[in-house]
Amino acid sequence: MKAKAFQFKKFNLQHSASAHKIGTDGILLATWVDASKAQSILDFGSGCGLIAFILAQRFPKMQIHGLEKDTASFTESLHNLEQFPLAHSIHFLLGELESIELPRKYDLIISNPPYFEADTSAPDQRRAQARTIEPGKLINYLSILKKQLNADGTLALILPSTSWQINRPAIFDLGFSVKRICKVRHQKGKDYKRVLIELSQKEIEPLATEMDLYVEDGIMRSDAYQRLCKDFLLDQ
């Protein structure tokens, strides 16, 4: 029996074959990022296509490339693309960042990268590989991605707060500055666990905000999260 697709308001996505399943991080990053001035977008580690599809709905005139190294995830993104109403704006690529020749430079590069620098409890080896990263590998990825950015381009990431603190000095050493940053916690009273970041290659005064995903019960979406995902997630 075919696995049930993840249902959004205007499209559905299959993700059962993908190494990294659809989750809050990808939805949050894709709905939060400001891509209003971008003409070309690269989604690095595109998986089943989640971020690319959300961005295509938000910005239907933009050209979006998704790069994925896992063959099963890439194949699933192609199947999803066949059902997507704005398929003309998206093109998925299969390959390793270190070796692939990308077709252009981009105004926005966006990624929900693997970020755990230790073993996880994921029983699926492919999922574990999609979630974990060797120490120093994130900075290596970012140094390569920087070469694919236009001079005025933006690099957007979502990272655990601890990973951001650890890697921030090295990210600054690459020549990036924070453009926008949002600290995210599950609900009021909890610790901040995630950081949404837009990086620029120019010195700029950063815009810093904070957000709770849910109200005190930990179930109902906060007003801020509702505003971000109102065009995508089904109503509660």
C-alpha atoms as a PDB file:
ATOM      1  CA  MET A   1       0.000   0.000   0.000  1.00  0.00           C
ATOM      2  CA  LYS A   2       1.305   3.433  -0.920  1.00  0.00           C
ATOM      3  CA  ALA A   3       2.445   5.475   2.069  1.00  0.00           C
ATOM      4  CA  LYS A   4       0.281   8.414   3.009  1.00  0.00           C
ATOM      5  CA  ALA A   5       1.511  11.742   1.696  1.00  0.00           C
ATOM      6  CA  PHE A   6       2.120  14.768   3.905  1.00  0.00           C
ATOM      7  CA  GLN A   7      -0.811  17.063   3.195  1.00  0.00           C
ATOM      8  CA  PHE A   8      -0.418  20.798   2.758  1.00  0.00           C
ATOM      9  CA  LYS A   9      -3.211  23.169   1.806  1.00  0.00           C
ATOM     10  CA  LYS A  10      -2.327  23.355  -1.891  1.00  0.00           C
ATOM     11  CA  PHE A  11      -0.153  20.300  -2.507  1.00  0.00           C
ATOM     12  CA  ASN A  12       0.813  16.932  -1.054  1.00  0.00           C
ATOM     13  CA  LEU A  13       4.304  15.475  -0.715  1.00  0.00           C
ATOM     14  CA  GLN A  14       5.456  11.893  -0.501  1.00  0.00           C
ATOM     15  CA  HIS A  15       8.399  11.558   1.889  1.00  0.00           C
ATOM     16  CA  SER A  16       8.458   7.929   3.020  1.00  0.00           C
ATOM     17  CA  ALA A  17      11.423   7.056   0.760  1.00  0.00           C
ATOM     18  CA  SER A  18      13.455  10.122   1.665  1.00  0.00           C
ATOM     19  CA  ALA A  19      16.311   9.890   4.146  1.00  0.00           C
ATOM     20  CA  HIS A  20      15.103  12.957   6.024  1.00  0.00           C
ATOM     21  CA  LYS A  21      11.345  13.106   6.579  1.00  0.00           C
ATOM     22  CA  ILE A  22       9.234  16.263   6.539  1.00  0.00           C
ATOM     23  CA  GLY A  23       9.437  18.079   9.867  1.00  0.00           C
ATOM     24  CA  THR A  24       8.995  21.410  11.554  1.00  0.00           C
ATOM     25  CA  ASP A  25      12.534  22.652  10.828  1.00  0.00           C
ATOM     26  CA  GLY A  26      12.170  22.608   7.055  1.00  0.00           C
ATOM     27  CA  ILE A  27       8.679  24.109   7.128  1.00  0.00           C
ATOM     28  CA  LEU A  28       9.806  26.817   9.520  1.00  0.00           C
ATOM     29  CA  LEU A  29      12.861  27.808   7.469  1.00  0.00           C
ATOM     30  CA  ALA A  30      11.003  27.858   4.152  1.00  0.00           C
ATOM     31  CA  THR A  31       8.178  30.021   5.484  1.00  0.00           C
ATOM     32  CA  TRP A  32      10.438  32.370   7.490  1.00  0.00           C
ATOM     33  CA  VAL A  33      13.156  33.196   4.951  1.00  0.00           C
ATOM     34  CA  ASP A  34      12.894  36.459   3.019  1.00  0.00           C
ATOM     35  CA  ALA A  35      13.358  35.597  -0.652  1.00  0.00           C
ATOM     36  CA  SER A  36      11.432  38.562  -2.030  1.00  0.00           C
ATOM     37  CA  LYS A  37      14.471  40.009  -3.854  1.00  0.00           C
ATOM     38  CA  ALA A  38      15.894  36.735  -5.131  1.00  0.00           C
ATOM     39  CA  GLN A  39      15.661  35.624  -8.732  1.00  0.00           C
ATOM     40  CA  SER A  40      17.469  32.311  -8.305  1.00  0.00           C
ATOM     41  CA  ILE A  41      17.447  29.919  -5.343  1.00  0.00           C
ATOM     42  CA  LEU A  42      19.428  26.809  -4.433  1.00  0.00           C
ATOM     43  CA  ASP A  43      18.015  24.397  -1.858  1.00  0.00           C
ATOM     44  CA  PHE A  44      21.019  22.396  -0.651  1.00  0.00           C
ATOM     45  CA  GLY A  45      20.023  18.975   0.651  1.00  0.00           C
ATOM     46  CA  SER A  46      16.589  19.186  -0.934  1.00  0.00           C
ATOM     47  CA  GLY A  47      15.332  15.735   0.125  1.00  0.00           C
ATOM     48  CA  CYS A  48      11.759  15.153  -1.039  1.00  0.00           C
ATOM     49  CA  GLY A  49      11.570  18.795  -2.154  1.00  0.00           C
ATOM     50  CA  LEU A  50       9.834  20.332   0.871  1.00  0.00           C
ATOM     51  CA  ILE A  51      11.659  23.675   0.991  1.00  0.00           C
ATOM     52  CA  ALA A  52      11.701  24.061  -2.791  1.00  0.00           C
ATOM     53  CA  PHE A  53       7.950  23.491  -3.057  1.00  0.00           C
ATOM     54  CA  ILE A  54       7.092  25.929  -0.282  1.00  0.00           C
ATOM     55  CA  LEU A  55       9.332  28.598  -1.826  1.00  0.00           C
ATOM     56  CA  ALA A  56       7.802  27.996  -5.258  1.00  0.00           C
ATOM     57  CA  GLN A  57       4.339  28.641  -3.840  1.00  0.00           C
ATOM     58  CA  ARG A  58       5.555  31.767  -2.054  1.00  0.00           C
ATOM     59  CA  PHE A  59       7.549  33.089  -5.019  1.00  0.00           C
ATOM     60  CA  PRO A  60       6.164  31.470  -8.200  1.00  0.00           C
ATOM     61  CA  LYS A  61       8.275  33.529 -10.629  1.00  0.00           C
ATOM     62  CA  MET A  62      11.624  32.472  -9.194  1.00  0.00           C
ATOM     63  CA  GLN A  63      13.834  29.695 -10.523  1.00  0.00           C
ATOM     64  CA  ILE A  64      14.639  27.116  -7.844  1.00  0.00           C
ATOM     65  CA  HIS A  65      17.235  24.353  -7.977  1.00  0.00           C
ATOM     66  CA  GLY A  66      17.341  21.570  -5.409  1.00  0.00           C
ATOM     67  CA  LEU A  67      20.559  19.609  -4.842  1.00  0.00           C
ATOM     68  CA  GLU A  68      20.355  16.190  -3.186  1.00  0.00           C
ATOM     69  CA  LYS A  69      22.962  13.414  -2.887  1.00  0.00           C
ATOM     70  CA  ASP A  70      20.667  10.597  -1.720  1.00  0.00           C
ATOM     71  CA  THR A  71      19.254   8.809  -4.768  1.00  0.00           C
ATOM     72  CA  ALA A  72      16.002   7.656  -3.159  1.00  0.00           C
ATOM     73  CA  SER A  73      15.277  11.148  -1.820  1.00  0.00           C
ATOM     74  CA  PHE A  74      16.065  12.685  -5.204  1.00  0.00           C
ATOM     75  CA  THR A  75      13.780  10.197  -6.987  1.00  0.00           C
ATOM     76  CA  GLU A  76      10.966  10.976  -4.560  1.00  0.00           C
ATOM     77  CA  SER A  77      11.386  14.708  -5.213  1.00  0.00           C
ATOM     78  CA  LEU A  78      10.931  14.031  -8.948  1.00  0.00           C
ATOM     79  CA  HIS A  79       7.715  12.103  -8.258  1.00  0.00           C
ATOM     80  CA  ASN A  80       6.464  14.981  -6.121  1.00  0.00           C
ATOM     81  CA  LEU A  81       7.383  17.428  -8.859  1.00  0.00           C
ATOM     82  CA  GLU A  82       5.126  15.616 -11.331  1.00  0.00           C
ATOM     83  CA  GLN A  83       2.119  16.485  -9.134  1.00  0.00           C
ATOM     84  CA  PHE A  84       3.137  20.039  -8.263  1.00  0.00           C
ATOM     85  CA  PRO A  85       1.196  22.868  -9.961  1.00  0.00           C
ATOM     86  CA  LEU A  86       4.273  25.121 -10.291  1.00  0.00           C
ATOM     87  CA  ALA A  87       6.655  22.455 -11.565  1.00  0.00           C
ATOM     88  CA  HIS A  88       8.073  24.777 -14.235  1.00  0.00           C
ATOM     89  CA  SER A  89       9.933  26.804 -11.596  1.00  0.00           C
ATOM     90  CA  ILE A  90      11.815  23.883  -9.988  1.00  0.00           C
ATOM     91  CA  HIS A  91      14.648  21.680 -11.175  1.00  0.00           C
ATOM     92  CA  PHE A  92      16.185  18.990  -8.963  1.00  0.00           C
ATOM     93  CA  LEU A  93      19.829  17.879  -9.278  1.00  0.00           C
ATOM     94  CA  LEU A  94      21.468  14.694  -8.011  1.00  0.00           C
ATOM     95  CA  GLY A  95      25.053  14.896  -6.807  1.00  0.00           C
ATOM     96  CA  GLU A  96      27.612  15.722  -4.140  1.00  0.00           C
ATOM     97  CA  LEU A  97      28.218  19.393  -3.383  1.00  0.00           C
ATOM     98  CA  GLU A  98      31.983  18.858  -3.439  1.00  0.00           C
ATOM     99  CA  SER A  99      32.020  17.478  -6.984  1.00  0.00           C
ATOM    100  CA  ILE A 100      28.958  18.690  -8.883  1.00  0.00           C
ATOM    101  CA  GLU A 101      29.186  21.619 -11.280  1.00  0.00           C
ATOM    102  CA  LEU A 102      26.185  23.775 -10.504  1.00  0.00           C
ATOM    103  CA  PRO A 103      24.669  25.648 -13.460  1.00  0.00           C
ATOM    104  CA  ARG A 104      24.843  29.153 -11.994  1.00  0.00           C
ATOM    105  CA  LYS A 105      25.339  31.368  -8.970  1.00  0.00           C
ATOM    106  CA  TYR A 106      22.354  32.115  -6.767  1.00  0.00           C
ATOM    107  CA  ASP A 107      20.717  35.037  -4.992  1.00  0.00           C
ATOM    108  CA  LEU A 108      19.608  32.771  -2.147  1.00  0.00           C
ATOM    109  CA  ILE A 109      21.031  29.477  -0.931  1.00  0.00           C
ATOM    110  CA  ILE A 110      18.886  27.806   1.691  1.00  0.00           C
ATOM    111  CA  SER A 111      19.516  24.651   3.680  1.00  0.00           C
ATOM    112  CA  ASN A 112      18.224  22.582   6.565  1.00  0.00           C
ATOM    113  CA  PRO A 113      21.573  20.798   6.824  1.00  0.00           C
ATOM    114  CA  PRO A 114      22.590  17.752   8.827  1.00  0.00           C
ATOM    115  CA  TYR A 115      23.846  19.199  12.081  1.00  0.00           C
ATOM    116  CA  PHE A 116      24.269  16.558  14.768  1.00  0.00           C
ATOM    117  CA  GLU A 117      28.001  16.063  15.317  1.00  0.00           C
ATOM    118  CA  ALA A 118      27.511  12.793  17.212  1.00  0.00           C
ATOM    119  CA  ASP A 119      25.688   9.498  16.754  1.00  0.00           C
ATOM    120  CA  THR A 120      21.896   9.714  16.911  1.00  0.00           C
ATOM    121  CA  SER A 121      19.334   7.099  17.837  1.00  0.00           C
ATOM    122  CA  ALA A 122      17.853   6.967  14.342  1.00  0.00           C
ATOM    123  CA  PRO A 123      17.378   3.249  13.553  1.00  0.00           C
ATOM    124  CA  ASP A 124      17.458   3.926   9.797  1.00  0.00           C
ATOM    125  CA  GLN A 125      21.076   4.298   8.663  1.00  0.00           C
ATOM    126  CA  ARG A 126      20.135   6.593   5.781  1.00  0.00           C
ATOM    127  CA  ARG A 127      18.190   8.827   8.158  1.00  0.00           C
ATOM    128  CA  ALA A 128      21.114   8.859  10.571  1.00  0.00           C
ATOM    129  CA  GLN A 129      23.423   9.943   7.755  1.00  0.00           C
ATOM    130  CA  ALA A 130      20.965  12.673   6.777  1.00  0.00           C
ATOM    131  CA  ARG A 131      20.926  13.978  10.368  1.00  0.00           C
ATOM    132  CA  THR A 132      24.597  13.728  11.315  1.00  0.00           C
ATOM    133  CA  ILE A 133      27.696  15.507  10.124  1.00  0.00           C
ATOM    134  CA  GLU A 134      31.410  15.134  10.739  1.00  0.00           C
ATOM    135  CA  PRO A 135      32.995  17.860  12.892  1.00  0.00           C
ATOM    136  CA  GLY A 136      34.043  20.721  10.624  1.00  0.00           C
ATOM    137  CA  LYS A 137      31.953  19.479   7.701  1.00  0.00           C
ATOM    138  CA  LEU A 138      29.323  22.202   8.064  1.00  0.00           C
ATOM    139  CA  ILE A 139      31.965  24.901   7.628  1.00  0.00           C
ATOM    140  CA  ASN A 140      33.332  23.046   4.602  1.00  0.00           C
ATOM    141  CA  TYR A 141      29.849  23.010   3.071  1.00  0.00           C
ATOM    142  CA  LEU A 142      29.373  26.711   3.750  1.00  0.00           C
ATOM    143  CA  SER A 143      32.727  27.626   2.212  1.00  0.00           C
ATOM    144  CA  ILE A 144      31.712  25.840  -0.998  1.00  0.00           C
ATOM    145  CA  LEU A 145      28.223  27.336  -0.980  1.00  0.00           C
ATOM    146  CA  LYS A 146      29.660  30.824  -0.556  1.00  0.00           C
ATOM    147  CA  LYS A 147      31.337  30.456  -3.954  1.00  0.00           C
ATOM    148  CA  GLN A 148      27.910  29.823  -5.466  1.00  0.00           C
ATOM    149  CA  LEU A 149      26.398  32.986  -3.972  1.00  0.00           C
ATOM    150  CA  ASN A 150      26.072  36.228  -5.862  1.00  0.00           C
ATOM    151  CA  ALA A 151      27.780  39.178  -4.149  1.00  0.00           C
ATOM    152  CA  ASP A 152      24.473  40.428  -2.737  1.00  0.00           C
ATOM    153  CA  GLY A 153      23.215  36.933  -2.037  1.00  0.00           C
ATOM    154  CA  THR A 154      21.871  35.455   1.198  1.00  0.00           C
ATOM    155  CA  LEU A 155      22.632  32.107   2.830  1.00  0.00           C
ATOM    156  CA  ALA A 156      19.760  30.889   5.035  1.00  0.00           C
ATOM    157  CA  LEU A 157      20.026  28.078   7.598  1.00  0.00           C
ATOM    158  CA  ILE A 158      18.260  26.522  10.539  1.00  0.00           C
ATOM    159  CA  LEU A 159      20.560  25.107  13.215  1.00  0.00           C
ATOM    160  CA  PRO A 160      20.340  23.934  16.814  1.00  0.00           C
ATOM    161  CA  SER A 161      21.287  26.742  19.184  1.00  0.00           C
ATOM    162  CA  THR A 162      24.341  24.775  20.345  1.00  0.00           C
ATOM    163  CA  SER A 163      25.563  24.213  16.783  1.00  0.00           C
ATOM    164  CA  TRP A 164      25.205  27.920  16.027  1.00  0.00           C
ATOM    165  CA  GLN A 165      27.243  28.833  19.102  1.00  0.00           C
ATOM    166  CA  ILE A 166      29.971  26.332  18.229  1.00  0.00           C
ATOM    167  CA  ASN A 167      30.220  27.193  14.534  1.00  0.00           C
ATOM    168  CA  ARG A 168      29.558  30.950  14.667  1.00  0.00           C
ATOM    169  CA  PRO A 169      33.238  32.044  14.882  1.00  0.00           C
ATOM    170  CA  ALA A 170      34.182  29.881  11.890  1.00  0.00           C
ATOM    171  CA  ILE A 171      31.161  31.141   9.928  1.00  0.00           C
ATOM    172  CA  PHE A 172      32.267  34.723  10.581  1.00  0.00           C
ATOM    173  CA  ASP A 173      35.800  33.772   9.518  1.00  0.00           C
ATOM    174  CA  LEU A 174      34.359  32.776   6.141  1.00  0.00           C
ATOM    175  CA  GLY A 175      33.299  36.394   5.675  1.00  0.00           C
ATOM    176  CA  PHE A 176      29.633  36.085   6.578  1.00  0.00           C
ATOM    177  CA  SER A 177      27.677  38.510   8.748  1.00  0.00           C
ATOM    178  CA  VAL A 178      24.265  37.956  10.309  1.00  0.00           C
ATOM    179  CA  LYS A 179      21.473  39.631   8.368  1.00  0.00           C
ATOM    180  CA  ARG A 180      18.492  38.235  10.266  1.00  0.00           C
ATOM    181  CA  ILE A 181      18.359  35.825  13.192  1.00  0.00           C
ATOM    182  CA  CYS A 182      15.425  34.329  15.073  1.00  0.00           C
ATOM    183  CA  LYS A 183      15.748  32.229  18.217  1.00  0.00           C
ATOM    184  CA  VAL A 184      13.033  29.558  18.303  1.00  0.00           C
ATOM    185  CA  ARG A 185      11.681  27.614  21.256  1.00  0.00           C
ATOM    186  CA  HIS A 186       8.907  25.040  21.387  1.00  0.00           C
ATOM    187  CA  GLN A 187       6.802  27.037  23.832  1.00  0.00           C
ATOM    188  CA  LYS A 188       7.071  29.796  26.402  1.00  0.00           C
ATOM    189  CA  GLY A 189       9.163  28.787  29.400  1.00  0.00           C
ATOM    190  CA  LYS A 190      11.283  26.299  27.469  1.00  0.00           C
ATOM    191  CA  ASP A 191      14.875  26.782  26.310  1.00  0.00           C
ATOM    192  CA  TYR A 192      15.573  28.051  22.819  1.00  0.00           C
ATOM    193  CA  LYS A 193      16.507  25.000  20.739  1.00  0.00           C
ATOM    194  CA  ARG A 194      16.711  26.270  17.150  1.00  0.00           C
ATOM    195  CA  VAL A 195      18.074  29.333  15.391  1.00  0.00           C
ATOM    196  CA  LEU A 196      16.896  30.640  12.021  1.00  0.00           C
ATOM    197  CA  ILE A 197      19.689  32.571  10.341  1.00  0.00           C
ATOM    198  CA  GLU A 198      20.137  34.666   7.210  1.00  0.00           C
ATOM    199  CA  LEU A 199      23.797  35.357   6.435  1.00  0.00           C
ATOM    200  CA  SER A 200      25.152  38.100   4.206  1.00  0.00           C
ATOM    201  CA  GLN A 201      28.575  38.698   2.678  1.00  0.00           C
ATOM    202  CA  LYS A 202      28.269  42.367   3.616  1.00  0.00           C
ATOM    203  CA  GLU A 203      28.504  44.039   7.005  1.00  0.00           C
ATOM    204  CA  ILE A 204      24.953  44.776   8.075  1.00  0.00           C
ATOM    205  CA  GLU A 205      23.074  45.586  11.265  1.00  0.00           C
ATOM    206  CA  PRO A 206      21.362  42.300  12.171  1.00  0.00           C
ATOM    207  CA  LEU A 207      17.650  42.051  12.823  1.00  0.00           C
ATOM    208  CA  ALA A 208      17.166  39.804  15.861  1.00  0.00           C
ATOM    209  CA  THR A 209      13.818  38.309  16.887  1.00  0.00           C
ATOM    210  CA  GLU A 210      12.465  35.441  18.972  1.00  0.00           C
ATOM    211  CA  MET A 211       9.549  33.074  18.451  1.00  0.00           C
ATOM    212  CA  ASP A 212       7.570  30.421  20.294  1.00  0.00           C
ATOM    213  CA  LEU A 213       6.115  27.710  18.059  1.00  0.00           C
ATOM    214  CA  TYR A 214       3.269  26.781  20.394  1.00  0.00           C
ATOM    215  CA  VAL A 215       1.286  28.323  23.226  1.00  0.00           C
ATOM    216  CA  GLU A 216       1.616  27.129  26.796  1.00  0.00           C
ATOM    217  CA  ASP A 217      -0.138  23.808  26.173  1.00  0.00           C
ATOM    218  CA  GLY A 218       2.562  22.837  23.662  1.00  0.00           C
ATOM    219  CA  ILE A 219      -0.092  21.821  21.114  1.00  0.00           C
ATOM    220  CA  MET A 220      -1.811  24.870  19.623  1.00  0.00           C
ATOM    221  CA  ARG A 221       0.346  26.931  17.283  1.00  0.00           C
ATOM    222  CA  SER A 222       1.368  30.385  18.437  1.00  0.00           C
ATOM    223  CA  ASP A 223       0.161  33.437  16.552  1.00  0.00           C
ATOM    224  CA  ALA A 224       3.643  33.945  15.106  1.00  0.00           C
ATOM    225  CA  TYR A 225       3.895  30.376  13.817  1.00  0.00           C
ATOM    226  CA  GLN A 226       0.332  30.537  12.508  1.00  0.00           C
ATOM    227  CA  ARG A 227       1.181  33.618  10.464  1.00  0.00           C
ATOM    228  CA  LEU A 228       4.195  31.911   8.936  1.00  0.00           C
ATOM    229  CA  CYS A 229       2.502  28.662   7.968  1.00  0.00           C
ATOM    230  CA  LYS A 230      -1.102  29.772   7.388  1.00  0.00           C
ATOM    231  CA  ASP A 231      -0.857  29.230   3.603  1.00  0.00           C
ATOM    232  CA  PHE A 232       0.669  25.776   3.977  1.00  0.00           C
ATOM    233  CA  LEU A 233      -0.227  23.727   7.053  1.00  0.00           C
ATOM    234  CA  LEU A 234      -3.771  22.473   7.472  1.00  0.00           C
ATOM    235  CA  ASP A 235      -5.777  24.274  10.133  1.00  0.00           C
ATOM    236  CA  GLN A 236      -5.695  22.781  13.621  1.00  0.00           C
END
